[in-house]
Amino acid sequence: MARRKKAAPPAEADDSEDWMVTYADAITLLMAFFVMLVSFSKVDLPMFEDVQAGIAEKIGGVTERETPIFTLESKMRDILSESSVLPPEAVEVSFDDQGVVIDFAAGYFFEPGTIKLLPGTQDVLGGVYRQLLEPPYDVFKIDVEGHTSDLPPPANSAFPTNWELSASQAARVLRVFLELGMRPEWLKASGYADTQPKVPNKDIVNTPLPQNQKKNERVSLRLHP
């Protein structure tokens, strides 16, 4: 009877390619992350910058965080705070999911019920434009938005409704940027009348709130890449 051959001892596992498992996991996670980003209909730019900078800091050890939206907001605050034309309550700088938003109170920008700019306001717009000439903001666009309160235009106004007034005021500001040399395809003007108030025009018993109405009468600049 033939003797049974002894089975060969199992080969030692080759762990020289274990790194590929980790690498494949990382690639899969990155792919899932970018698929999730693409699936969004609108990306919140400030949040995206914050997440992007955090990833760079954790993975790459980068401590200097690049956040153009936050930096532009800070620079615009400085530029507009140095202006002697507009008081602090006439300007508000913030950001939304698209970019930086600058709200100018219409009462400090135009003569009531008109598109006639008050003295010095073109210089303020010039300061905004000059900042957008600097990289990386030289690829930013400006959406100009006109807003009113629920009060109708003054009786002597050339505009019968707030729709015409808000759209015309936005177009007048846009024309300033055109005259300064901004590319027409990077500009847009829109009028919203009283459909997008920042604060309620009236209280819960329908009493008008004059301070809120003045705050809702504004021209907004939306700066976005």
C-alpha atoms as a PDB file:
ATOM      1  CA  MET A   1       0.000   0.000   0.000  1.00  0.00           C
ATOM      2  CA  ALA A   2       1.438   3.319  -1.100  1.00  0.00           C
ATOM      3  CA  ARG A   3       2.117   5.827   1.528  1.00  0.00           C
ATOM      4  CA  ARG A   4       0.024   9.025   1.427  1.00  0.00           C
ATOM      5  CA  LYS A   5       2.098  12.005   0.567  1.00  0.00           C
ATOM      6  CA  LYS A   6       2.206  14.654   3.155  1.00  0.00           C
ATOM      7  CA  ALA A   7       0.390  17.823   2.161  1.00  0.00           C
ATOM      8  CA  ALA A   8       2.662  20.756   1.495  1.00  0.00           C
ATOM      9  CA  PRO A   9       2.537  23.397   4.224  1.00  0.00           C
ATOM     10  CA  PRO A  10       0.369  26.404   3.292  1.00  0.00           C
ATOM     11  CA  ALA A  11       2.323  29.213   1.739  1.00  0.00           C
ATOM     12  CA  GLU A  12       2.770  32.162   3.958  1.00  0.00           C
ATOM     13  CA  ALA A  13       0.386  34.981   3.083  1.00  0.00           C
ATOM     14  CA  ASP A  14       2.028  37.697   1.105  1.00  0.00           C
ATOM     15  CA  ASP A  15       1.203  40.964   2.872  1.00  0.00           C
ATOM     16  CA  SER A  16       3.282  43.087   0.560  1.00  0.00           C
ATOM     17  CA  GLU A  17       0.137  44.363  -1.208  1.00  0.00           C
ATOM     18  CA  ASP A  18      -2.052  45.046   1.829  1.00  0.00           C
ATOM     19  CA  TRP A  19      -1.775  48.752   1.097  1.00  0.00           C
ATOM     20  CA  MET A  20      -3.965  48.268  -1.966  1.00  0.00           C
ATOM     21  CA  VAL A  21      -6.961  47.491   0.221  1.00  0.00           C
ATOM     22  CA  THR A  22      -6.605  50.776   2.066  1.00  0.00           C
ATOM     23  CA  TYR A  23      -6.014  52.599  -1.205  1.00  0.00           C
ATOM     24  CA  ALA A  24      -9.124  51.089  -2.787  1.00  0.00           C
ATOM     25  CA  ASP A  25     -11.205  52.055   0.245  1.00  0.00           C
ATOM     26  CA  ALA A  26      -9.947  55.623   0.041  1.00  0.00           C
ATOM     27  CA  ILE A  27     -10.707  55.867  -3.684  1.00  0.00           C
ATOM     28  CA  THR A  28     -14.207  54.481  -3.114  1.00  0.00           C
ATOM     29  CA  LEU A  29     -14.891  57.037  -0.379  1.00  0.00           C
ATOM     30  CA  LEU A  30     -13.631  59.876  -2.560  1.00  0.00           C
ATOM     31  CA  MET A  31     -15.781  58.729  -5.458  1.00  0.00           C
ATOM     32  CA  ALA A  32     -18.844  58.559  -3.198  1.00  0.00           C
ATOM     33  CA  PHE A  33     -18.050  62.047  -1.884  1.00  0.00           C
ATOM     34  CA  PHE A  34     -17.869  63.582  -5.365  1.00  0.00           C
ATOM     35  CA  VAL A  35     -20.987  61.748  -6.528  1.00  0.00           C
ATOM     36  CA  MET A  36     -22.786  63.260  -3.552  1.00  0.00           C
ATOM     37  CA  LEU A  37     -21.530  66.732  -4.518  1.00  0.00           C
ATOM     38  CA  VAL A  38     -22.664  66.337  -8.115  1.00  0.00           C
ATOM     39  CA  SER A  39     -26.092  65.191  -6.946  1.00  0.00           C
ATOM     40  CA  PHE A  40     -26.690  68.513  -5.212  1.00  0.00           C
ATOM     41  CA  SER A  41     -28.656  70.982  -7.314  1.00  0.00           C
ATOM     42  CA  LYS A  42     -26.930  73.872  -5.580  1.00  0.00           C
ATOM     43  CA  VAL A  43     -23.661  73.878  -3.645  1.00  0.00           C
ATOM     44  CA  ASP A  44     -23.395  76.013  -0.518  1.00  0.00           C
ATOM     45  CA  LEU A  45     -20.123  77.750  -1.377  1.00  0.00           C
ATOM     46  CA  PRO A  46     -19.162  79.017   2.109  1.00  0.00           C
ATOM     47  CA  MET A  47     -19.820  75.583   3.601  1.00  0.00           C
ATOM     48  CA  PHE A  48     -17.960  73.908   0.725  1.00  0.00           C
ATOM     49  CA  GLU A  49     -14.933  76.162   1.348  1.00  0.00           C
ATOM     50  CA  ASP A  50     -14.993  75.336   5.034  1.00  0.00           C
ATOM     51  CA  VAL A  51     -15.177  71.589   4.367  1.00  0.00           C
ATOM     52  CA  GLN A  52     -12.520  71.782   1.650  1.00  0.00           C
ATOM     53  CA  ALA A  53     -10.120  73.641   3.915  1.00  0.00           C
ATOM     54  CA  GLY A  54     -10.786  71.202   6.750  1.00  0.00           C
ATOM     55  CA  ILE A  55     -10.016  68.216   4.517  1.00  0.00           C
ATOM     56  CA  ALA A  56      -6.790  69.839   3.338  1.00  0.00           C
ATOM     57  CA  GLU A  57      -5.776  70.482   6.943  1.00  0.00           C
ATOM     58  CA  LYS A  58      -6.535  66.953   8.142  1.00  0.00           C
ATOM     59  CA  ILE A  59      -5.147  65.028   5.180  1.00  0.00           C
ATOM     60  CA  GLY A  60      -2.395  67.238   3.855  1.00  0.00           C
ATOM     61  CA  GLY A  61      -1.374  69.040   7.007  1.00  0.00           C
ATOM     62  CA  VAL A  62      -2.148  72.402   5.400  1.00  0.00           C
ATOM     63  CA  THR A  63      -2.640  74.989   8.116  1.00  0.00           C
ATOM     64  CA  GLU A  64      -3.187  78.020   5.894  1.00  0.00           C
ATOM     65  CA  ARG A  65      -6.794  77.672   4.775  1.00  0.00           C
ATOM     66  CA  GLU A  66      -7.866  79.137   1.414  1.00  0.00           C
ATOM     67  CA  THR A  67     -11.389  80.540   1.736  1.00  0.00           C
ATOM     68  CA  PRO A  68     -12.002  83.140  -1.014  1.00  0.00           C
ATOM     69  CA  ILE A  69     -15.657  83.724  -0.112  1.00  0.00           C
ATOM     70  CA  PHE A  70     -14.914  84.468   3.549  1.00  0.00           C
ATOM     71  CA  THR A  71     -11.898  86.588   2.599  1.00  0.00           C
ATOM     72  CA  LEU A  72     -13.920  88.615   0.097  1.00  0.00           C
ATOM     73  CA  GLU A  73     -16.623  89.223   2.686  1.00  0.00           C
ATOM     74  CA  SER A  74     -14.012  90.539   5.115  1.00  0.00           C
ATOM     75  CA  LYS A  75     -12.413  92.766   2.479  1.00  0.00           C
ATOM     76  CA  MET A  76     -15.761  94.213   1.434  1.00  0.00           C
ATOM     77  CA  ARG A  77     -16.559  95.025   5.050  1.00  0.00           C
ATOM     78  CA  ASP A  78     -13.279  96.918   5.326  1.00  0.00           C
ATOM     79  CA  ILE A  79     -13.767  98.789   2.040  1.00  0.00           C
ATOM     80  CA  LEU A  80     -17.316  99.868   2.841  1.00  0.00           C
ATOM     81  CA  SER A  81     -16.618 100.731   6.480  1.00  0.00           C
ATOM     82  CA  GLU A  82     -13.941 103.169   5.322  1.00  0.00           C
ATOM     83  CA  SER A  83     -16.429 105.001   3.106  1.00  0.00           C
ATOM     84  CA  SER A  84     -17.467 108.413   4.437  1.00  0.00           C
ATOM     85  CA  VAL A  85     -20.476 108.500   2.106  1.00  0.00           C
ATOM     86  CA  LEU A  86     -22.597 105.777   3.671  1.00  0.00           C
ATOM     87  CA  PRO A  87     -23.223 105.399   7.418  1.00  0.00           C
ATOM     88  CA  PRO A  88     -22.887 101.927   8.970  1.00  0.00           C
ATOM     89  CA  GLU A  89     -26.649 101.359   9.009  1.00  0.00           C
ATOM     90  CA  ALA A  90     -26.799 101.893   5.232  1.00  0.00           C
ATOM     91  CA  VAL A  91     -24.647  98.857   4.363  1.00  0.00           C
ATOM     92  CA  GLU A  92     -24.813  95.203   5.345  1.00  0.00           C
ATOM     93  CA  VAL A  93     -22.304  92.600   4.141  1.00  0.00           C
ATOM     94  CA  SER A  94     -23.059  88.890   4.485  1.00  0.00           C
ATOM     95  CA  PHE A  95     -22.953  85.702   2.448  1.00  0.00           C
ATOM     96  CA  ASP A  96     -25.377  83.037   1.326  1.00  0.00           C
ATOM     97  CA  ASP A  97     -25.061  79.704  -0.472  1.00  0.00           C
ATOM     98  CA  GLN A  98     -23.880  81.442  -3.666  1.00  0.00           C
ATOM     99  CA  GLY A  99     -21.380  84.022  -2.508  1.00  0.00           C
ATOM    100  CA  VAL A 100     -21.054  87.433  -0.846  1.00  0.00           C
ATOM    101  CA  VAL A 101     -24.138  89.674  -0.565  1.00  0.00           C
ATOM    102  CA  ILE A 102     -23.933  93.455  -0.070  1.00  0.00           C
ATOM    103  CA  ASP A 103     -27.171  95.253   0.825  1.00  0.00           C
ATOM    104  CA  PHE A 104     -27.305  99.020   0.289  1.00  0.00           C
ATOM    105  CA  ALA A 105     -30.232 100.912   1.823  1.00  0.00           C
ATOM    106  CA  ALA A 106     -32.042 102.557  -1.092  1.00  0.00           C
ATOM    107  CA  GLY A 107     -32.710 105.688   0.945  1.00  0.00           C
ATOM    108  CA  TYR A 108     -28.958 106.396   1.064  1.00  0.00           C
ATOM    109  CA  PHE A 109     -28.403 105.431  -2.566  1.00  0.00           C
ATOM    110  CA  PHE A 110     -31.209 107.033  -4.581  1.00  0.00           C
ATOM    111  CA  GLU A 111     -33.432 110.059  -4.395  1.00  0.00           C
ATOM    112  CA  PRO A 112     -36.853 108.755  -3.230  1.00  0.00           C
ATOM    113  CA  GLY A 113     -38.839 107.060  -5.958  1.00  0.00           C
ATOM    114  CA  THR A 114     -36.174 107.684  -8.612  1.00  0.00           C
ATOM    115  CA  ILE A 115     -33.083 106.097 -10.149  1.00  0.00           C
ATOM    116  CA  LYS A 116     -30.978 109.215  -9.544  1.00  0.00           C
ATOM    117  CA  LEU A 117     -27.892 108.191  -7.558  1.00  0.00           C
ATOM    118  CA  LEU A 118     -26.953 110.346  -4.591  1.00  0.00           C
ATOM    119  CA  PRO A 119     -23.486 111.995  -4.524  1.00  0.00           C
ATOM    120  CA  GLY A 120     -20.630 109.643  -3.690  1.00  0.00           C
ATOM    121  CA  THR A 121     -22.494 106.402  -4.321  1.00  0.00           C
ATOM    122  CA  GLN A 122     -20.692 105.786  -7.619  1.00  0.00           C
ATOM    123  CA  ASP A 123     -17.382 105.951  -5.730  1.00  0.00           C
ATOM    124  CA  VAL A 124     -18.679 103.263  -3.353  1.00  0.00           C
ATOM    125  CA  LEU A 125     -19.535 101.016  -6.291  1.00  0.00           C
ATOM    126  CA  GLY A 126     -16.110 101.777  -7.743  1.00  0.00           C
ATOM    127  CA  GLY A 127     -14.479 100.425  -4.588  1.00  0.00           C
ATOM    128  CA  VAL A 128     -16.415  97.169  -4.970  1.00  0.00           C
ATOM    129  CA  TYR A 129     -15.415  96.932  -8.628  1.00  0.00           C
ATOM    130  CA  ARG A 130     -11.720  97.542  -7.966  1.00  0.00           C
ATOM    131  CA  GLN A 131     -11.643  94.720  -5.413  1.00  0.00           C
ATOM    132  CA  LEU A 132     -13.067  92.377  -8.040  1.00  0.00           C
ATOM    133  CA  LEU A 133     -10.152  93.187 -10.333  1.00  0.00           C
ATOM    134  CA  GLU A 134      -7.800  91.383  -7.952  1.00  0.00           C
ATOM    135  CA  PRO A 135      -7.235  87.609  -8.271  1.00  0.00           C
ATOM    136  CA  PRO A 136      -8.954  85.322  -7.436  1.00  0.00           C
ATOM    137  CA  TYR A 137     -11.988  87.624  -7.565  1.00  0.00           C
ATOM    138  CA  ASP A 138     -11.408  88.671 -11.174  1.00  0.00           C
ATOM    139  CA  VAL A 139     -13.650  85.775 -12.219  1.00  0.00           C
ATOM    140  CA  PHE A 140     -16.544  86.803  -9.972  1.00  0.00           C
ATOM    141  CA  LYS A 141     -19.868  87.973 -11.381  1.00  0.00           C
ATOM    142  CA  ILE A 142     -22.294  90.531  -9.968  1.00  0.00           C
ATOM    143  CA  ASP A 143     -26.058  90.046  -9.749  1.00  0.00           C
ATOM    144  CA  VAL A 144     -27.749  93.371  -8.947  1.00  0.00           C
ATOM    145  CA  GLU A 145     -31.141  93.041  -7.243  1.00  0.00           C
ATOM    146  CA  GLY A 146     -33.649  95.823  -6.584  1.00  0.00           C
ATOM    147  CA  HIS A 147     -36.046  95.506  -3.641  1.00  0.00           C
ATOM    148  CA  THR A 148     -38.779  97.742  -2.223  1.00  0.00           C
ATOM    149  CA  SER A 149     -41.097  97.745   0.766  1.00  0.00           C
ATOM    150  CA  ASP A 150     -44.850  97.269   0.466  1.00  0.00           C
ATOM    151  CA  LEU A 151     -45.348 101.033   0.162  1.00  0.00           C
ATOM    152  CA  PRO A 152     -46.185 102.239  -3.356  1.00  0.00           C
ATOM    153  CA  PRO A 153     -43.791 104.631  -5.130  1.00  0.00           C
ATOM    154  CA  PRO A 154     -44.235 108.337  -4.297  1.00  0.00           C
ATOM    155  CA  ALA A 155     -46.981 110.146  -6.188  1.00  0.00           C
ATOM    156  CA  ASN A 156     -44.423 112.170  -8.152  1.00  0.00           C
ATOM    157  CA  SER A 157     -42.416 109.083  -9.154  1.00  0.00           C
ATOM    158  CA  ALA A 158     -41.996 108.214 -12.826  1.00  0.00           C
ATOM    159  CA  PHE A 159     -42.596 104.547 -11.929  1.00  0.00           C
ATOM    160  CA  PRO A 160     -46.223 103.444 -11.461  1.00  0.00           C
ATOM    161  CA  THR A 161     -45.369 100.261  -9.515  1.00  0.00           C
ATOM    162  CA  ASN A 162     -42.632  98.885  -7.323  1.00  0.00           C
ATOM    163  CA  TRP A 163     -41.794  96.360 -10.035  1.00  0.00           C
ATOM    164  CA  GLU A 164     -40.679  99.062 -12.436  1.00  0.00           C
ATOM    165  CA  LEU A 165     -38.936 101.012  -9.661  1.00  0.00           C
ATOM    166  CA  SER A 166     -36.954  98.058  -8.283  1.00  0.00           C
ATOM    167  CA  ALA A 167     -35.943  96.804 -11.733  1.00  0.00           C
ATOM    168  CA  SER A 168     -34.892 100.290 -12.873  1.00  0.00           C
ATOM    169  CA  GLN A 169     -32.811 100.934  -9.758  1.00  0.00           C
ATOM    170  CA  ALA A 170     -31.027  97.615 -10.252  1.00  0.00           C
ATOM    171  CA  ALA A 171     -30.393  98.479 -13.909  1.00  0.00           C
ATOM    172  CA  ARG A 172     -29.014 101.890 -12.914  1.00  0.00           C
ATOM    173  CA  VAL A 173     -26.451 100.307 -10.591  1.00  0.00           C
ATOM    174  CA  LEU A 174     -25.572  97.777 -13.275  1.00  0.00           C
ATOM    175  CA  ARG A 175     -24.899 100.678 -15.680  1.00  0.00           C
ATOM    176  CA  VAL A 176     -22.327 102.065 -13.236  1.00  0.00           C
ATOM    177  CA  PHE A 177     -20.391  98.796 -13.391  1.00  0.00           C
ATOM    178  CA  LEU A 178     -20.593  98.834 -17.187  1.00  0.00           C
ATOM    179  CA  GLU A 179     -19.195 102.369 -17.235  1.00  0.00           C
ATOM    180  CA  LEU A 180     -16.375 101.260 -14.954  1.00  0.00           C
ATOM    181  CA  GLY A 181     -15.439  98.589 -17.504  1.00  0.00           C
ATOM    182  CA  MET A 182     -16.945  95.365 -16.219  1.00  0.00           C
ATOM    183  CA  ARG A 183     -17.751  92.736 -18.837  1.00  0.00           C
ATOM    184  CA  PRO A 184     -21.482  92.821 -19.702  1.00  0.00           C
ATOM    185  CA  GLU A 185     -21.811  89.027 -19.668  1.00  0.00           C
ATOM    186  CA  TRP A 186     -20.753  89.007 -16.002  1.00  0.00           C
ATOM    187  CA  LEU A 187     -23.603  91.271 -14.926  1.00  0.00           C
ATOM    188  CA  LYS A 188     -27.292  90.704 -14.284  1.00  0.00           C
ATOM    189  CA  ALA A 189     -30.045  93.012 -13.014  1.00  0.00           C
ATOM    190  CA  SER A 190     -33.337  91.890 -11.448  1.00  0.00           C
ATOM    191  CA  GLY A 191     -36.247  93.667  -9.783  1.00  0.00           C
ATOM    192  CA  TYR A 192     -38.222  91.928  -7.036  1.00  0.00           C
ATOM    193  CA  ALA A 193     -40.474  94.737  -5.757  1.00  0.00           C
ATOM    194  CA  ASP A 194     -41.675  93.746  -2.244  1.00  0.00           C
ATOM    195  CA  THR A 195     -41.696  89.973  -2.801  1.00  0.00           C
ATOM    196  CA  GLN A 196     -38.472  89.252  -0.873  1.00  0.00           C
ATOM    197  CA  PRO A 197     -38.486  91.369   2.316  1.00  0.00           C
ATOM    198  CA  LYS A 198     -35.617  90.974   4.783  1.00  0.00           C
ATOM    199  CA  VAL A 199     -37.927  91.750   7.697  1.00  0.00           C
ATOM    200  CA  PRO A 200     -41.734  91.961   7.988  1.00  0.00           C
ATOM    201  CA  ASN A 201     -43.235  95.184   6.663  1.00  0.00           C
ATOM    202  CA  LYS A 202     -46.081  94.909   9.188  1.00  0.00           C
ATOM    203  CA  ASP A 203     -46.618  93.421  12.614  1.00  0.00           C
ATOM    204  CA  ILE A 204     -49.029  90.636  13.512  1.00  0.00           C
ATOM    205  CA  VAL A 205     -51.999  93.056  13.669  1.00  0.00           C
ATOM    206  CA  ASN A 206     -51.133  94.483  10.232  1.00  0.00           C
ATOM    207  CA  THR A 207     -49.699  97.744  11.543  1.00  0.00           C
ATOM    208  CA  PRO A 208     -46.942  99.144   9.294  1.00  0.00           C
ATOM    209  CA  LEU A 209     -43.401  99.097  10.691  1.00  0.00           C
ATOM    210  CA  PRO A 210     -41.634 102.133   9.170  1.00  0.00           C
ATOM    211  CA  GLN A 211     -38.145 101.057  10.259  1.00  0.00           C
ATOM    212  CA  ASN A 212     -38.606  97.639   8.688  1.00  0.00           C
ATOM    213  CA  GLN A 213     -40.020  99.154   5.526  1.00  0.00           C
ATOM    214  CA  LYS A 214     -36.905 101.288   5.135  1.00  0.00           C
ATOM    215  CA  LYS A 215     -34.713  98.247   5.666  1.00  0.00           C
ATOM    216  CA  ASN A 216     -36.541  96.357   2.927  1.00  0.00           C
ATOM    217  CA  GLU A 217     -35.967  99.178   0.430  1.00  0.00           C
ATOM    218  CA  ARG A 218     -32.529  98.191  -0.788  1.00  0.00           C
ATOM    219  CA  VAL A 219     -30.244  97.314  -3.665  1.00  0.00           C
ATOM    220  CA  SER A 220     -28.373  94.042  -3.246  1.00  0.00           C
ATOM    221  CA  LEU A 221     -25.123  93.035  -4.922  1.00  0.00           C
ATOM    222  CA  ARG A 222     -24.536  89.305  -5.081  1.00  0.00           C
ATOM    223  CA  LEU A 223     -20.862  88.528  -5.805  1.00  0.00           C
ATOM    224  CA  HIS A 224     -20.254  84.949  -6.871  1.00  0.00           C
ATOM    225  CA  PRO A 225     -17.724  82.933  -8.904  1.00  0.00           C
END
